[in-house]
All heavy atoms as atom14 arrays in JSON, in Angstrom:
{
  "sequence": "YILKKTNGKHAPMLIIAMMVIVVVLTYFK",
  "atom14_mask": [
    [1, 1, 1, 1, 1, 1, 1, 1, 1, 1, 1, 1, 0, 0],
    [1, 1, 1, 1, 1, 1, 1, 1, 0, 0, 0, 0, 0, 0],
    [1, 1, 1, 1, 1, 1, 1, 1, 0, 0, 0, 0, 0, 0],
    [1, 1, 1, 1, 1, 1, 1, 1, 1, 0, 0, 0, 0, 0],
    [1, 1, 1, 1, 1, 1, 1, 1, 1, 0, 0, 0, 0, 0],
    [1, 1, 1, 1, 1, 1, 1, 0, 0, 0, 0, 0, 0, 0],
    [1, 1, 1, 1, 1, 1, 1, 1, 0, 0, 0, 0, 0, 0],
    [1, 1, 1, 1, 0, 0, 0, 0, 0, 0, 0, 0, 0, 0],
    [1, 1, 1, 1, 1, 1, 1, 1, 1, 0, 0, 0, 0, 0],
    [1, 1, 1, 1, 1, 1, 1, 1, 1, 1, 0, 0, 0, 0],
    [1, 1, 1, 1, 1, 0, 0, 0, 0, 0, 0, 0, 0, 0],
    [1, 1, 1, 1, 1, 1, 1, 0, 0, 0, 0, 0, 0, 0],
    [1, 1, 1, 1, 1, 1, 1, 1, 0, 0, 0, 0, 0, 0],
    [1, 1, 1, 1, 1, 1, 1, 1, 0, 0, 0, 0, 0, 0],
    [1, 1, 1, 1, 1, 1, 1, 1, 0, 0, 0, 0, 0, 0],
    [1, 1, 1, 1, 1, 1, 1, 1, 0, 0, 0, 0, 0, 0],
    [1, 1, 1, 1, 1, 0, 0, 0, 0, 0, 0, 0, 0, 0],
    [1, 1, 1, 1, 1, 1, 1, 1, 0, 0, 0, 0, 0, 0],
    [1, 1, 1, 1, 1, 1, 1, 1, 0, 0, 0, 0, 0, 0],
    [1, 1, 1, 1, 1, 1, 1, 0, 0, 0, 0, 0, 0, 0],
    [1, 1, 1, 1, 1, 1, 1, 1, 0, 0, 0, 0, 0, 0],
    [1, 1, 1, 1, 1, 1, 1, 0, 0, 0, 0, 0, 0, 0],
    [1, 1, 1, 1, 1, 1, 1, 0, 0, 0, 0, 0, 0, 0],
    [1, 1, 1, 1, 1, 1, 1, 0, 0, 0, 0, 0, 0, 0],
    [1, 1, 1, 1, 1, 1, 1, 1, 0, 0, 0, 0, 0, 0],
    [1, 1, 1, 1, 1, 1, 1, 0, 0, 0, 0, 0, 0, 0],
    [1, 1, 1, 1, 1, 1, 1, 1, 1, 1, 1, 1, 0, 0],
    [1, 1, 1, 1, 1, 1, 1, 1, 1, 1, 1, 0, 0, 0],
    [1, 1, 1, 1, 1, 1, 1, 1, 1, 0, 0, 0, 0, 0]
  ],
  "atom14_positions": [
    [[91.92, 91.52, 107.69], [92.42, 90.5, 108.61], [92.01, 90.81, 110.06], [91.56, 89.92, 110.79], [93.95, 90.41, 108.51], [94.57, 89.46, 109.51], [94.56, 88.08, 109.28], [95.15, 89.94, 110.68], [95.11, 87.2, 110.2], [95.7, 89.07, 111.61], [95.68, 87.69, 111.37], [96.21, 86.83, 112.29], [0.0, 0.0, 0.0], [0.0, 0.0, 0.0]],
    [[92.13, 92.09, 110.44], [91.76, 92.48, 111.8], [90.26, 92.29, 112.03], [89.83, 91.78, 113.07], [92.17, 93.95, 112.06], [93.69, 94.09, 112.03], [91.62, 94.44, 113.4], [94.18, 95.51, 112.05], [0.0, 0.0, 0.0], [0.0, 0.0, 0.0], [0.0, 0.0, 0.0], [0.0, 0.0, 0.0], [0.0, 0.0, 0.0], [0.0, 0.0, 0.0]],
    [[89.44, 92.73, 111.05], [87.99, 92.58, 111.19], [87.58, 91.11, 111.25], [86.7, 90.73, 112.03], [87.29, 93.27, 110.01], [87.32, 94.79, 110.0], [86.72, 95.32, 108.7], [86.55, 95.37, 111.19], [0.0, 0.0, 0.0], [0.0, 0.0, 0.0], [0.0, 0.0, 0.0], [0.0, 0.0, 0.0], [0.0, 0.0, 0.0], [0.0, 0.0, 0.0]],
    [[88.22, 90.28, 110.45], [87.9, 88.84, 110.44], [88.34, 88.19, 111.74], [87.64, 87.32, 112.28], [88.59, 88.17, 109.25], [88.15, 86.72, 109.02], [88.74, 86.17, 107.75], [88.31, 84.73, 107.51], [86.86, 84.61, 107.32], [0.0, 0.0, 0.0], [0.0, 0.0, 0.0], [0.0, 0.0, 0.0], [0.0, 0.0, 0.0], [0.0, 0.0, 0.0]],
    [[89.5, 88.62, 112.25], [90.02, 88.04, 113.49], [89.15, 88.4, 114.68], [88.98, 87.6, 115.61], [91.45, 88.55, 113.71], [92.3, 87.71, 114.65], [92.75, 86.43, 113.97], [93.72, 85.66, 114.86], [94.09, 84.36, 114.25], [0.0, 0.0, 0.0], [0.0, 0.0, 0.0], [0.0, 0.0, 0.0], [0.0, 0.0, 0.0], [0.0, 0.0, 0.0]],
    [[88.58, 89.59, 114.67], [87.76, 90.06, 115.8], [86.26, 89.94, 115.53], [85.46, 90.43, 116.32], [88.1, 91.53, 116.13], [87.83, 92.34, 114.97], [89.56, 91.68, 116.5], [0.0, 0.0, 0.0], [0.0, 0.0, 0.0], [0.0, 0.0, 0.0], [0.0, 0.0, 0.0], [0.0, 0.0, 0.0], [0.0, 0.0, 0.0], [0.0, 0.0, 0.0]],
    [[85.9, 89.32, 114.39], [84.49, 89.19, 114.0], [83.78, 90.54, 113.88], [82.58, 90.66, 114.12], [83.73, 88.31, 114.99], [84.18, 86.87, 114.91], [84.45, 86.35, 113.83], [84.29, 86.21, 116.06], [0.0, 0.0, 0.0], [0.0, 0.0, 0.0], [0.0, 0.0, 0.0], [0.0, 0.0, 0.0], [0.0, 0.0, 0.0], [0.0, 0.0, 0.0]],
    [[84.54, 91.58, 113.53], [83.96, 92.91, 113.32], [83.53, 93.62, 114.58], [82.85, 94.65, 114.51], [0.0, 0.0, 0.0], [0.0, 0.0, 0.0], [0.0, 0.0, 0.0], [0.0, 0.0, 0.0], [0.0, 0.0, 0.0], [0.0, 0.0, 0.0], [0.0, 0.0, 0.0], [0.0, 0.0, 0.0], [0.0, 0.0, 0.0], [0.0, 0.0, 0.0]],
    [[83.93, 93.11, 115.76], [83.45, 93.69, 117.02], [84.03, 95.08, 117.27], [83.41, 95.9, 117.95], [83.82, 92.77, 118.18], [83.09, 91.44, 118.16], [83.5, 90.57, 119.33], [82.75, 89.24, 119.31], [83.18, 88.36, 120.42], [0.0, 0.0, 0.0], [0.0, 0.0, 0.0], [0.0, 0.0, 0.0], [0.0, 0.0, 0.0], [0.0, 0.0, 0.0]],
    [[85.22, 95.34, 116.75], [85.89, 96.61, 117.04], [85.98, 97.5, 115.81], [86.94, 98.26, 115.66], [87.28, 96.34, 117.61], [87.29, 95.41, 118.79], [86.69, 95.73, 119.99], [87.81, 94.16, 118.94], [86.84, 94.73, 120.84], [87.51, 93.76, 120.23], [0.0, 0.0, 0.0], [0.0, 0.0, 0.0], [0.0, 0.0, 0.0], [0.0, 0.0, 0.0]],
    [[85.01, 97.39, 114.91], [85.03, 98.19, 113.68], [85.06, 99.69, 113.95], [85.86, 100.42, 113.33], [83.84, 97.83, 112.8], [0.0, 0.0, 0.0], [0.0, 0.0, 0.0], [0.0, 0.0, 0.0], [0.0, 0.0, 0.0], [0.0, 0.0, 0.0], [0.0, 0.0, 0.0], [0.0, 0.0, 0.0], [0.0, 0.0, 0.0], [0.0, 0.0, 0.0]],
    [[84.23, 100.25, 114.87], [84.29, 101.7, 115.13], [85.66, 102.14, 115.65], [86.18, 103.18, 115.23], [83.21, 101.92, 116.19], [82.25, 100.78, 116.0], [83.12, 99.62, 115.6], [0.0, 0.0, 0.0], [0.0, 0.0, 0.0], [0.0, 0.0, 0.0], [0.0, 0.0, 0.0], [0.0, 0.0, 0.0], [0.0, 0.0, 0.0], [0.0, 0.0, 0.0]],
    [[86.26, 101.36, 116.57], [87.58, 101.7, 117.09], [88.64, 101.63, 116.0], [89.58, 102.43, 115.97], [87.95, 100.76, 118.24], [87.12, 100.96, 119.5], [87.29, 102.65, 120.16], [89.05, 102.71, 120.5], [0.0, 0.0, 0.0], [0.0, 0.0, 0.0], [0.0, 0.0, 0.0], [0.0, 0.0, 0.0], [0.0, 0.0, 0.0], [0.0, 0.0, 0.0]],
    [[88.49, 100.68, 115.08], [89.43, 100.55, 113.98], [89.36, 101.77, 113.06], [90.4, 102.27, 112.6], [89.13, 99.28, 113.19], [90.06, 98.96, 112.01], [91.5, 98.8, 112.49], [89.61, 97.69, 111.3], [0.0, 0.0, 0.0], [0.0, 0.0, 0.0], [0.0, 0.0, 0.0], [0.0, 0.0, 0.0], [0.0, 0.0, 0.0], [0.0, 0.0, 0.0]],
    [[88.16, 102.27, 112.8], [87.98, 103.47, 111.97], [88.67, 104.67, 112.62], [89.4, 105.42, 111.97], [86.49, 103.75, 111.75], [85.86, 102.65, 110.9], [86.29, 105.1, 111.06], [84.36, 102.74, 110.78], [0.0, 0.0, 0.0], [0.0, 0.0, 0.0], [0.0, 0.0, 0.0], [0.0, 0.0, 0.0], [0.0, 0.0, 0.0], [0.0, 0.0, 0.0]],
    [[88.46, 104.84, 113.94], [89.08, 105.96, 114.67], [90.6, 105.81, 114.67], [91.33, 106.79, 114.44], [88.54, 106.02, 116.12], [87.04, 106.33, 116.1], [89.3, 107.06, 116.93], [86.38, 106.23, 117.46], [0.0, 0.0, 0.0], [0.0, 0.0, 0.0], [0.0, 0.0, 0.0], [0.0, 0.0, 0.0], [0.0, 0.0, 0.0], [0.0, 0.0, 0.0]],
    [[91.09, 104.59, 114.89], [92.53, 104.35, 114.9], [93.15, 104.68, 113.55], [94.24, 105.28, 113.46], [92.81, 102.9, 115.27], [0.0, 0.0, 0.0], [0.0, 0.0, 0.0], [0.0, 0.0, 0.0], [0.0, 0.0, 0.0], [0.0, 0.0, 0.0], [0.0, 0.0, 0.0], [0.0, 0.0, 0.0], [0.0, 0.0, 0.0], [0.0, 0.0, 0.0]],
    [[92.47, 104.29, 112.46], [92.98, 104.59, 111.11], [93.03, 106.09, 110.86], [93.98, 106.6, 110.25], [92.11, 103.91, 110.07], [92.26, 102.4, 110.03], [91.21, 101.64, 108.77], [91.9, 102.34, 107.28], [0.0, 0.0, 0.0], [0.0, 0.0, 0.0], [0.0, 0.0, 0.0], [0.0, 0.0, 0.0], [0.0, 0.0, 0.0], [0.0, 0.0, 0.0]],
    [[92.01, 106.82, 111.34], [92.01, 108.28, 111.18], [93.21, 108.91, 111.9], [93.89, 109.78, 111.36], [90.7, 108.85, 111.72], [89.48, 108.49, 110.9], [87.93, 109.01, 111.66], [88.15, 110.79, 111.67], [0.0, 0.0, 0.0], [0.0, 0.0, 0.0], [0.0, 0.0, 0.0], [0.0, 0.0, 0.0], [0.0, 0.0, 0.0], [0.0, 0.0, 0.0]],
    [[93.46, 108.44, 113.12], [94.6, 108.98, 113.9], [95.92, 108.65, 113.22], [96.81, 109.51, 113.1], [94.56, 108.4, 115.34], [95.82, 108.81, 116.1], [93.32, 108.88, 116.07], [0.0, 0.0, 0.0], [0.0, 0.0, 0.0], [0.0, 0.0, 0.0], [0.0, 0.0, 0.0], [0.0, 0.0, 0.0], [0.0, 0.0, 0.0], [0.0, 0.0, 0.0]],
    [[96.06, 107.4, 112.79], [97.3, 106.98, 112.13], [97.55, 107.78, 110.87], [98.68, 108.22, 110.61], [97.25, 105.47, 111.81], [97.27, 104.65, 113.11], [98.41, 105.06, 110.91], [97.01, 103.18, 112.91], [0.0, 0.0, 0.0], [0.0, 0.0, 0.0], [0.0, 0.0, 0.0], [0.0, 0.0, 0.0], [0.0, 0.0, 0.0], [0.0, 0.0, 0.0]],
    [[96.52, 108.01, 110.06], [96.67, 108.77, 108.82], [97.09, 110.22, 109.12], [97.97, 110.78, 108.44], [95.35, 108.75, 108.02], [95.39, 109.78, 106.89], [95.11, 107.37, 107.44], [0.0, 0.0, 0.0], [0.0, 0.0, 0.0], [0.0, 0.0, 0.0], [0.0, 0.0, 0.0], [0.0, 0.0, 0.0], [0.0, 0.0, 0.0], [0.0, 0.0, 0.0]],
    [[96.47, 110.83, 110.14], [96.83, 112.21, 110.5], [98.29, 112.28, 110.94], [99.05, 113.17, 110.52], [95.9, 112.73, 111.62], [96.42, 114.05, 112.17], [94.49, 112.91, 111.09], [0.0, 0.0, 0.0], [0.0, 0.0, 0.0], [0.0, 0.0, 0.0], [0.0, 0.0, 0.0], [0.0, 0.0, 0.0], [0.0, 0.0, 0.0], [0.0, 0.0, 0.0]],
    [[98.72, 111.33, 111.76], [100.1, 111.33, 112.26], [101.09, 111.1, 111.12], [102.09, 111.83, 111.0], [100.27, 110.25, 113.35], [101.76, 110.1, 113.74], [99.45, 110.59, 114.58], [0.0, 0.0, 0.0], [0.0, 0.0, 0.0], [0.0, 0.0, 0.0], [0.0, 0.0, 0.0], [0.0, 0.0, 0.0], [0.0, 0.0, 0.0], [0.0, 0.0, 0.0]],
    [[100.83, 110.12, 110.28], [101.74, 109.83, 109.16], [101.79, 110.95, 108.15], [102.83, 111.24, 107.56], [101.32, 108.52, 108.48], [101.46, 107.24, 109.31], [101.02, 106.02, 108.51], [102.9, 107.05, 109.8], [0.0, 0.0, 0.0], [0.0, 0.0, 0.0], [0.0, 0.0, 0.0], [0.0, 0.0, 0.0], [0.0, 0.0, 0.0], [0.0, 0.0, 0.0]],
    [[100.65, 111.62, 107.97], [100.62, 112.77, 107.05], [101.42, 113.93, 107.63], [102.15, 114.64, 106.92], [99.18, 113.2, 106.78], [98.45, 112.09, 106.23], [99.12, 114.37, 105.78], [0.0, 0.0, 0.0], [0.0, 0.0, 0.0], [0.0, 0.0, 0.0], [0.0, 0.0, 0.0], [0.0, 0.0, 0.0], [0.0, 0.0, 0.0], [0.0, 0.0, 0.0]],
    [[101.31, 114.14, 108.94], [102.05, 115.23, 109.61], [103.56, 115.03, 109.46], [104.31, 115.98, 109.21], [101.68, 115.28, 111.09], [102.43, 116.33, 111.87], [102.03, 117.67, 111.8], [103.53, 115.98, 112.65], [102.73, 118.65, 112.52], [104.23, 116.94, 113.35], [103.83, 118.28, 113.29], [104.52, 119.26, 113.98], [0.0, 0.0, 0.0], [0.0, 0.0, 0.0]],
    [[104.01, 113.78, 109.58], [105.43, 113.5, 109.44], [105.84, 113.22, 107.99], [106.94, 112.75, 107.72], [105.81, 112.3, 110.33], [105.84, 112.61, 111.79], [104.78, 112.19, 112.61], [106.86, 113.35, 112.35], [104.79, 112.48, 113.96], [106.88, 113.64, 113.72], [105.84, 113.21, 114.52], [0.0, 0.0, 0.0], [0.0, 0.0, 0.0], [0.0, 0.0, 0.0]],
    [[104.93, 113.52, 107.06], [105.18, 113.41, 105.62], [105.59, 112.0, 105.2], [106.45, 111.81, 104.33], [106.24, 114.42, 105.18], [105.81, 115.86, 105.41], [106.85, 116.84, 104.93], [106.36, 118.28, 105.12], [107.36, 119.27, 104.67], [0.0, 0.0, 0.0], [0.0, 0.0, 0.0], [0.0, 0.0, 0.0], [0.0, 0.0, 0.0], [0.0, 0.0, 0.0]]
  ]
}
């Protein structure tokens, strides 16, 4: 949905954001 809404313009930032979110959520179990 995000990629379609932004026409894929922010794909690299989305990848980095997902990595950060996964690390944080994993840290807090």
